[in-house]
């Protein structure tokens, strides 16, 4: 297949988990014999065009939209802060320019693929103009990731994209249920779990000296370490984890908490750490390179991700691949609930109420106090990743959805 592939993040530009997805999936699609015309966001340090092998990446330059904002923006968006207005307009222009560039090149394509609302208009435009199938990947929804259902405009855009799509690919059964509740026909939806590279996320390849250096750099010593990695946004729950940590210290006073990430709740997390962390919360407000993140996982005793909304949760998969016990939010839309086995012979972690600091603390303390349980959970978690969450399986299932979309059009 020749695939027109539209998305916001593409390496070396990372905003969140989609960049990691693209880094792993695009080369595997190409290795399977498919050609990708990728259109992605032009950011500082990225090239306008990269041509090589089966993947061509183009990043259109976006003109300043501000002179046209009063004309272009929907009424609701016109009430947003100026930076948000510009962000919305730039991404609509990105979609038009990307689809237009694809058409101008005159190369036939078999399929248009777009990821989430930022690139969905490009996929819709390309598919309609070339009369080819359209597959929409939904990694999250505006209703789910926002408090109070978010923007009506973005929700409408997502609904229109799902309506126009031949197939909607999403990342968990929980997300499938959410999409059905939002009106997406269930017969359109295909669930394809994300994955991890277990050869890369392998505890056996991390040097003990690197783990020791990481612990020394943060002043962790040999104390038991709880690790959080993720964006510091409300739905990720880092603030609730810090609140929970004060109760963990009552049971395991030698414990330490490491929080790694960036986002709008940084100030709140810092304040909570100062007020409730007992001097044992270590904050790294940065996005670590992947190799450093792997070392951080290796240095931890368990990983905690108390998200209130998590369509998949790739950090959970990474931690499990690194043979770490995991404690995860399991209410509402939670793909981590599907990853983590909380009981029985395959136990690899615990499900918690992400709104309840005491519930979070109870299960953290239980794991920290039981070395045998930690070992069992870690071993089972890695085995589960090897069985269910390798990228090769994700790419195979994704290609099956793409081929189904093409066959549905008689291709």
Protein backbone atom coordinates (compact mmCIF):
# COMPACT_ATOMS: atom_id res chain seq x y z
CA UNK A 1 0.00 0.00 0.00
CA UNK A 2 0.95 3.63 -0.49
CA UNK A 3 -0.33 5.46 2.58
CA UNK A 4 -0.87 9.19 3.10
CA UNK A 5 -0.06 9.53 6.79
CA UNK A 6 -1.05 12.69 8.70
CA UNK A 7 -0.15 13.41 12.33
CA UNK A 8 1.04 16.12 14.68
CA UNK A 9 4.10 14.50 16.24
CA UNK A 10 6.77 12.79 14.24
CA UNK A 11 10.37 12.30 15.40
CA UNK A 12 12.35 14.26 16.32
CA UNK A 13 9.32 16.29 17.50
CA UNK A 14 7.63 14.82 20.56
CA UNK A 15 4.72 16.38 22.40
CA UNK A 16 3.39 13.23 24.08
CA UNK A 17 2.88 9.54 23.42
CA UNK A 18 2.01 9.93 19.73
CA UNK A 19 5.62 10.74 18.91
CA UNK A 20 6.74 7.48 20.50
CA UNK A 21 4.03 5.64 18.58
CA UNK A 22 5.19 7.13 15.28
CA UNK A 23 8.84 6.40 16.07
CA UNK A 24 8.06 2.72 16.52
CA UNK A 25 5.25 2.09 14.05
CA UNK A 26 6.21 4.03 10.90
CA UNK A 27 9.51 2.17 10.29
CA UNK A 28 7.76 -1.15 10.87
CA UNK A 29 5.05 -0.28 8.34
CA UNK A 30 7.79 0.55 5.86
CA UNK A 31 9.67 -2.66 6.67
CA UNK A 32 6.49 -4.59 5.88
CA UNK A 33 6.66 -3.27 2.33
CA UNK A 34 4.43 -0.19 2.48
CA UNK A 35 5.28 3.36 1.36
CA UNK A 36 4.40 6.26 3.66
CA UNK A 37 3.91 9.89 2.66
CA UNK A 38 4.09 11.45 6.12
CA UNK A 39 2.86 14.98 6.84
CA UNK A 40 3.78 16.28 10.29
CA UNK A 41 4.24 19.48 12.24
CA UNK A 42 7.22 21.69 11.44
CA UNK A 43 8.90 22.58 14.72
CA UNK A 44 12.27 23.94 15.71
CA UNK A 45 15.00 21.48 14.81
CA UNK A 46 12.94 19.56 12.24
CA UNK A 47 13.44 19.58 8.48
CA UNK A 48 10.79 20.69 6.00
CA UNK A 49 11.40 17.55 3.98
CA UNK A 50 13.09 14.20 4.60
CA UNK A 51 13.23 11.74 1.73
CA UNK A 52 14.65 8.32 2.28
CA UNK A 53 13.59 4.77 1.62
CA UNK A 54 9.90 4.01 1.91
CA UNK A 55 9.15 6.95 4.23
CA UNK A 56 8.95 10.52 2.97
CA UNK A 57 8.31 13.18 5.60
CA UNK A 58 7.06 16.65 4.72
CA UNK A 59 6.40 19.44 7.18
CA UNK A 60 4.66 22.42 5.58
CA UNK A 61 5.55 25.91 6.75
CA UNK A 62 2.52 27.59 8.32
CA UNK A 63 1.85 31.30 7.64
CA UNK A 64 0.87 33.56 10.50
CA UNK A 65 -2.94 33.20 10.68
CA UNK A 66 -3.64 36.20 12.91
CA UNK A 67 -4.87 38.59 10.18
CA UNK A 68 -7.64 36.14 9.32
CA UNK A 69 -8.60 34.92 12.80
CA UNK A 70 -11.79 37.04 13.07
CA UNK A 71 -13.02 35.47 9.82
CA UNK A 72 -11.72 31.93 10.13
CA UNK A 73 -12.49 30.94 13.71
CA UNK A 74 -15.72 29.36 14.93
CA UNK A 75 -17.50 31.52 17.49
CA UNK A 76 -16.51 29.35 20.42
CA UNK A 77 -12.83 29.30 19.44
CA UNK A 78 -12.88 33.09 18.99
CA UNK A 79 -13.42 33.31 22.74
CA UNK A 80 -10.27 31.35 23.56
CA UNK A 81 -7.03 33.04 24.71
CA UNK A 82 -5.04 34.49 21.77
CA UNK A 83 -2.36 31.77 21.80
CA UNK A 84 -5.03 29.06 21.74
CA UNK A 85 -6.85 30.78 18.86
CA UNK A 86 -3.64 30.84 16.86
CA UNK A 87 -2.88 27.19 17.73
CA UNK A 88 -6.29 26.09 16.44
CA UNK A 89 -6.02 28.12 13.24
CA UNK A 90 -2.48 26.94 12.50
CA UNK A 91 -3.52 23.33 12.66
CA UNK A 92 -6.42 23.86 10.28
CA UNK A 93 -3.99 25.52 7.88
CA UNK A 94 -1.57 22.62 8.41
CA UNK A 95 -4.27 20.19 7.29
CA UNK A 96 -5.16 22.20 4.17
CA UNK A 97 -1.54 22.69 3.14
CA UNK A 98 -0.68 19.04 3.79
CA UNK A 99 -3.59 17.68 1.77
CA UNK A 100 -2.93 20.23 -0.99
CA UNK A 101 0.74 19.30 -1.21
CA UNK A 102 -0.19 15.63 -1.48
CA UNK A 103 -2.58 16.38 -4.38
CA UNK A 104 -0.08 18.63 -6.19
CA UNK A 105 2.48 15.82 -6.34
CA UNK A 106 0.14 13.70 -8.43
CA UNK A 107 1.16 10.40 -6.85
CA UNK A 108 -1.64 7.90 -6.33
CA UNK A 109 -2.28 6.61 -2.82
CA UNK A 110 -4.33 3.71 -1.55
CA UNK A 111 -5.28 5.04 1.87
CA UNK A 112 -5.39 8.21 3.97
CA UNK A 113 -4.58 7.83 7.67
CA UNK A 114 -4.84 10.55 10.34
CA UNK A 115 -4.16 10.58 14.06
CA UNK A 116 -6.49 12.49 16.40
CA UNK A 117 -8.20 15.82 15.84
CA UNK A 118 -5.10 17.86 15.04
CA UNK A 119 -4.53 15.96 11.79
CA UNK A 120 -8.02 14.57 11.12
CA UNK A 121 -9.00 17.39 8.70
CA UNK A 122 -5.99 16.55 6.52
CA UNK A 123 -7.06 12.92 6.36
CA UNK A 124 -10.63 13.84 5.49
CA UNK A 125 -9.55 16.27 2.77
CA UNK A 126 -7.05 13.89 1.19
CA UNK A 127 -9.47 10.96 1.21
CA UNK A 128 -12.29 12.98 -0.33
CA UNK A 129 -10.08 14.56 -2.99
CA UNK A 130 -8.44 11.28 -4.04
CA UNK A 131 -11.54 9.13 -3.48
CA UNK A 132 -9.64 6.71 -1.27
CA UNK A 133 -10.50 5.14 2.11
CA UNK A 134 -9.86 7.04 5.33
CA UNK A 135 -8.73 5.47 8.61
CA UNK A 136 -8.88 7.59 11.75
CA UNK A 137 -6.70 6.71 14.74
CA UNK A 138 -8.19 7.93 18.03
CA UNK A 139 -5.69 8.00 20.88
CA UNK A 140 -7.92 10.11 23.15
CA UNK A 141 -11.00 12.33 22.93
CA UNK A 142 -11.72 15.91 23.87
CA UNK A 143 -14.54 14.73 26.14
CA UNK A 144 -12.24 12.40 28.01
CA UNK A 145 -9.09 14.45 28.40
CA UNK A 146 -10.88 17.68 29.39
CA UNK A 147 -12.74 18.65 32.53
CA UNK A 148 -16.37 19.45 31.71
CA UNK A 149 -16.28 17.85 28.25
CA UNK A 150 -13.92 20.44 26.77
CA UNK A 151 -14.44 22.33 23.52
CA UNK A 152 -17.66 21.80 21.55
CA UNK A 153 -15.73 22.70 18.38
CA UNK A 154 -13.10 20.02 18.89
CA UNK A 155 -15.75 17.49 19.86
CA UNK A 156 -17.63 18.31 16.65
CA UNK A 157 -14.45 17.96 14.61
CA UNK A 158 -13.74 14.56 16.18
CA UNK A 159 -17.31 13.43 15.49
CA UNK A 160 -17.11 14.55 11.87
CA UNK A 161 -13.83 12.68 11.38
CA UNK A 162 -15.29 9.50 12.87
CA UNK A 163 -18.33 9.86 10.64
CA UNK A 164 -16.18 10.23 7.52
CA UNK A 165 -13.79 7.42 8.43
CA UNK A 166 -14.15 3.99 6.91
CA UNK A 167 -12.54 2.49 10.03
CA UNK A 168 -11.69 3.99 13.41
CA UNK A 169 -8.68 2.46 15.15
CA UNK A 170 -8.36 2.99 18.89
CA UNK A 171 -6.05 1.79 21.61
CA UNK A 172 -8.12 -0.15 24.17
CA UNK A 173 -11.50 -1.72 24.88
CA UNK A 174 -12.10 1.13 27.29
CA UNK A 175 -11.63 3.62 24.47
CA UNK A 176 -13.92 1.57 22.27
CA UNK A 177 -16.63 1.88 24.91
CA UNK A 178 -16.05 5.62 25.16
CA UNK A 179 -16.29 6.10 21.41
CA UNK A 180 -19.52 4.11 21.25
CA UNK A 181 -20.92 6.29 24.04
CA UNK A 182 -20.05 9.33 21.90
CA UNK A 183 -21.97 7.96 18.93
CA UNK A 184 -19.33 6.16 16.88
CA UNK A 185 -20.87 3.01 15.34
CA UNK A 186 -19.29 -0.03 17.03
CA UNK A 187 -18.94 -1.85 13.72
CA UNK A 188 -16.47 0.82 12.57
CA UNK A 189 -14.11 0.45 15.53
CA UNK A 190 -11.03 -1.77 15.66
CA UNK A 191 -9.01 -2.05 18.88
CA UNK A 192 -5.25 -2.19 18.43
CA UNK A 193 -3.17 -2.02 21.60
CA UNK A 194 -0.04 0.10 21.58
CA UNK A 195 3.22 -1.61 22.37
CA UNK A 196 6.79 -1.42 23.49
CA UNK A 197 10.09 -2.77 22.21
CA UNK A 198 10.96 -5.40 24.85
CA UNK A 199 14.51 -5.70 23.51
CA UNK A 200 15.04 -2.02 24.27
CA UNK A 201 13.03 -2.01 27.51
CA UNK A 202 14.92 -4.94 28.99
CA UNK A 203 16.19 -4.78 32.58
CA UNK A 204 19.03 -7.11 31.64
CA UNK A 205 20.65 -4.55 29.35
CA UNK A 206 20.86 -1.72 31.94
CA UNK A 207 24.24 -1.43 33.63
CA UNK A 208 24.27 -1.46 37.41
CA UNK A 209 26.71 1.45 37.28
CA UNK A 210 24.14 3.54 35.38
CA UNK A 211 21.45 2.74 37.92
CA UNK A 212 23.80 3.64 40.76
CA UNK A 213 24.74 6.91 39.06
CA UNK A 214 21.07 7.84 38.60
CA UNK A 215 20.34 7.15 42.25
CA UNK A 216 23.38 9.08 43.38
CA UNK A 217 22.52 12.06 41.18
CA UNK A 218 19.10 12.35 42.81
CA UNK A 219 20.31 11.51 46.31
CA UNK A 220 18.18 8.36 46.57
CA UNK A 221 20.78 6.12 48.19
CA UNK A 222 19.54 2.56 48.62
CA UNK A 223 16.05 3.60 49.70
CA UNK A 224 12.95 2.11 48.04
CA UNK A 225 11.89 4.30 45.12
CA UNK A 226 8.42 4.97 43.73
CA UNK A 227 8.54 6.34 40.18
CA UNK A 228 6.06 8.46 38.22
CA UNK A 229 6.79 9.31 34.58
CA UNK A 230 4.34 11.31 32.49
CA UNK A 231 2.93 14.66 31.51
CA UNK A 232 2.07 16.83 34.50
CA UNK A 233 -1.56 17.39 33.59
CA UNK A 234 -4.62 17.02 35.78
CA UNK A 235 -5.70 13.66 34.36
CA UNK A 236 -2.30 12.02 34.96
CA UNK A 237 -2.65 12.32 38.73
CA UNK A 238 0.87 13.27 39.83
CA UNK A 239 -0.65 15.72 42.33
CA UNK A 240 -2.79 12.97 43.86
CA UNK A 241 0.24 10.69 44.04
CA UNK A 242 2.17 13.29 46.05
CA UNK A 243 -0.82 13.56 48.39
CA UNK A 244 -0.79 9.78 48.71
CA UNK A 245 2.93 9.73 49.48
CA UNK A 246 2.43 11.30 52.91
CA UNK A 247 0.46 8.17 53.89
CA UNK A 248 3.08 5.88 52.35
CA UNK A 249 5.67 7.46 54.64
CA UNK A 250 3.63 6.43 57.65
CA UNK A 251 4.08 2.77 56.64
CA UNK A 252 7.43 2.92 54.85
CA UNK A 253 9.29 5.96 56.23
CA UNK A 254 12.41 5.25 54.16
CA UNK A 255 10.51 5.46 50.85
CA UNK A 256 11.27 8.08 48.21
CA UNK A 257 9.12 9.38 45.34
CA UNK A 258 10.57 10.47 41.99
CA UNK A 259 8.33 12.48 39.65
CA UNK A 260 9.52 12.99 36.07
CA UNK A 261 7.63 15.12 33.55
CA UNK A 262 6.53 18.56 32.44
CA UNK A 263 3.16 20.27 32.26
CA UNK A 264 0.74 22.78 33.66
CA UNK A 265 0.56 21.26 37.17
CA UNK A 266 4.30 21.67 37.86
CA UNK A 267 3.78 24.46 40.41
CA UNK A 268 1.07 22.54 42.24
CA UNK A 269 3.16 19.37 42.34
CA UNK A 270 6.14 21.34 43.64
CA UNK A 271 4.02 22.96 46.35
CA UNK A 272 2.53 19.63 47.43
CA UNK A 273 5.98 18.04 47.52
CA UNK A 274 7.23 20.79 49.81
CA UNK A 275 4.18 20.60 52.07
CA UNK A 276 3.59 16.84 52.24
CA UNK A 277 6.69 15.08 50.94
CA UNK A 278 8.82 15.09 54.06
CA UNK A 279 11.86 16.08 52.00
CA UNK A 280 11.68 12.75 50.20
CA UNK A 281 10.04 13.79 46.93
CA UNK A 282 12.45 14.31 44.03
CA UNK A 283 11.18 16.34 41.09
CA UNK A 284 12.64 16.26 37.58
CA UNK A 285 10.63 18.73 35.53
CA UNK A 286 11.97 17.58 32.18
CA UNK A 287 11.37 15.12 29.37
CA UNK A 288 14.12 12.54 29.68
CA UNK A 289 15.70 11.02 26.59
CA UNK A 290 14.56 7.45 26.16
CA UNK A 291 17.78 5.83 27.37
CA UNK A 292 17.71 7.92 30.56
CA UNK A 293 14.04 7.02 31.07
CA UNK A 294 14.94 3.33 30.81
CA UNK A 295 17.57 3.82 33.50
CA UNK A 296 14.99 5.57 35.68
CA UNK A 297 12.67 2.57 35.38
CA UNK A 298 15.56 0.26 36.26
CA UNK A 299 16.35 2.35 39.36
CA UNK A 300 12.78 2.19 40.68
CA UNK A 301 11.19 -0.41 42.93
CA UNK A 302 7.71 0.20 41.57
CA UNK A 303 5.94 2.58 39.22
CA UNK A 304 2.68 4.40 39.91
CA UNK A 305 0.38 5.97 37.32
CA UNK A 306 -2.82 7.18 39.02
CA UNK A 307 -4.45 8.57 35.87
CA UNK A 308 -8.12 9.47 35.93
CA UNK A 309 -8.22 9.22 32.13
CA UNK A 310 -5.77 7.01 30.24
CA UNK A 311 -6.81 5.53 26.91
CA UNK A 312 -3.78 3.22 26.86
CA UNK A 313 -0.87 4.30 29.06
CA UNK A 314 2.38 3.44 27.32
CA UNK A 315 4.45 4.34 30.39
CA UNK A 316 2.73 1.46 32.15
CA UNK A 317 3.75 -0.90 29.33
CA UNK A 318 7.33 0.38 29.51
CA UNK A 319 7.47 -0.18 33.27
CA UNK A 320 6.07 -3.70 32.93
CA UNK A 321 8.64 -4.48 30.22
CA UNK A 322 11.29 -3.35 32.70
CA UNK A 323 9.91 -5.94 35.16
CA UNK A 324 8.54 -3.35 37.59
CA UNK A 325 5.33 -3.72 39.61
CA UNK A 326 2.74 -1.11 38.64
CA UNK A 327 -0.07 0.63 40.49
CA UNK A 328 -2.54 2.17 38.07
CA UNK A 329 -5.73 4.20 37.97
CA UNK A 330 -8.59 1.92 36.96
CA UNK A 331 -11.70 4.06 36.83
CA UNK A 332 -13.44 5.46 33.76
CA UNK A 333 -11.52 5.12 30.50
CA UNK A 334 -8.43 3.17 31.51
CA UNK A 335 -6.40 1.14 29.07
CA UNK A 336 -4.02 0.41 31.93
CA UNK A 337 -6.81 -1.60 33.55
CA UNK A 338 -6.53 -3.92 30.54
CA UNK A 339 -2.75 -4.13 30.77
CA UNK A 340 -2.41 -4.85 34.48
CA UNK A 341 -3.51 -8.14 36.06
CA UNK A 342 -4.35 -7.30 39.72
CA UNK A 343 -4.80 -10.81 41.16
CA UNK A 344 -4.24 -14.49 40.55
CA UNK A 345 -1.17 -16.31 39.23
CA UNK A 346 -0.48 -13.63 36.59
CA UNK A 347 -0.56 -10.69 39.01
CA UNK A 348 1.67 -7.83 37.87
CA UNK A 349 0.27 -4.84 39.78
CA UNK A 350 -2.77 -3.31 41.42
CA UNK A 351 -5.77 -1.27 40.28
CA UNK A 352 -6.57 1.74 42.46
CA UNK A 353 -9.10 4.55 42.77
CA UNK A 354 -7.11 7.44 41.24
CA UNK A 355 -9.14 10.01 43.18
CA UNK A 356 -8.35 8.51 46.62
CA UNK A 357 -4.84 9.17 48.00
CA UNK A 358 -5.32 6.66 50.80
CA UNK A 359 -6.27 3.88 48.38
CA UNK A 360 -3.19 4.65 46.29
CA UNK A 361 -0.99 4.64 49.39
CA UNK A 362 -2.38 1.33 50.65
CA UNK A 363 -1.30 -0.58 47.56
CA UNK A 364 2.04 1.19 47.22
CA UNK A 365 2.90 0.27 50.79
CA UNK A 366 1.79 -3.32 50.30
CA UNK A 367 4.22 -3.72 47.40
CA UNK A 368 7.09 -1.92 49.09
CA UNK A 369 6.83 -4.14 52.17
CA UNK A 370 6.90 -7.42 50.20
CA UNK A 371 10.04 -8.16 48.18
CA UNK A 372 8.72 -11.52 46.97
CA UNK A 373 5.55 -9.87 45.66
CA UNK A 374 7.62 -7.24 43.83
CA UNK A 375 9.67 -9.94 42.14
CA UNK A 376 6.59 -11.93 41.13
CA UNK A 377 4.79 -8.88 39.79
CA UNK A 378 7.82 -7.75 37.84
CA UNK A 379 8.39 -11.15 36.28
CA UNK A 380 4.72 -11.52 35.35
CA UNK A 381 4.53 -8.00 33.95
CA UNK A 382 7.40 -8.52 31.56
CA UNK A 383 5.96 -11.87 30.47
CA UNK A 384 2.63 -10.17 29.75
CA UNK A 385 4.32 -7.53 27.62
CA UNK A 386 6.14 -10.19 25.63
CA UNK A 387 2.87 -12.02 25.05
CA UNK A 388 0.54 -9.09 24.31
CA UNK A 389 2.21 -5.71 23.90
CA UNK A 390 5.12 -5.93 21.47
CA UNK A 391 5.08 -3.46 18.56
CA UNK A 392 5.16 -6.24 15.99
CA UNK A 393 1.70 -7.39 17.04
CA UNK A 394 0.41 -3.80 17.01
CA UNK A 395 1.68 -3.24 13.46
CA UNK A 396 0.20 -6.52 12.24
CA UNK A 397 -3.23 -5.60 13.64
CA UNK A 398 -2.96 -2.06 12.26
CA UNK A 399 -2.19 -3.33 8.78
CA UNK A 400 -5.15 -5.68 8.99
CA UNK A 401 -7.39 -2.66 9.68
CA UNK A 402 -5.84 -0.71 6.79
CA UNK A 403 -6.30 -3.61 4.40
CA UNK A 404 -9.90 -4.04 5.54
CA UNK A 405 -10.58 -0.36 4.78
CA UNK A 406 -9.14 -0.75 1.29
CA UNK A 407 -11.07 -3.94 0.60
CA UNK A 408 -14.25 -2.27 1.76
CA UNK A 409 -13.80 0.19 -1.12
CA UNK A 410 -13.12 -2.65 -3.54
CA UNK A 411 -9.37 -2.08 -3.46
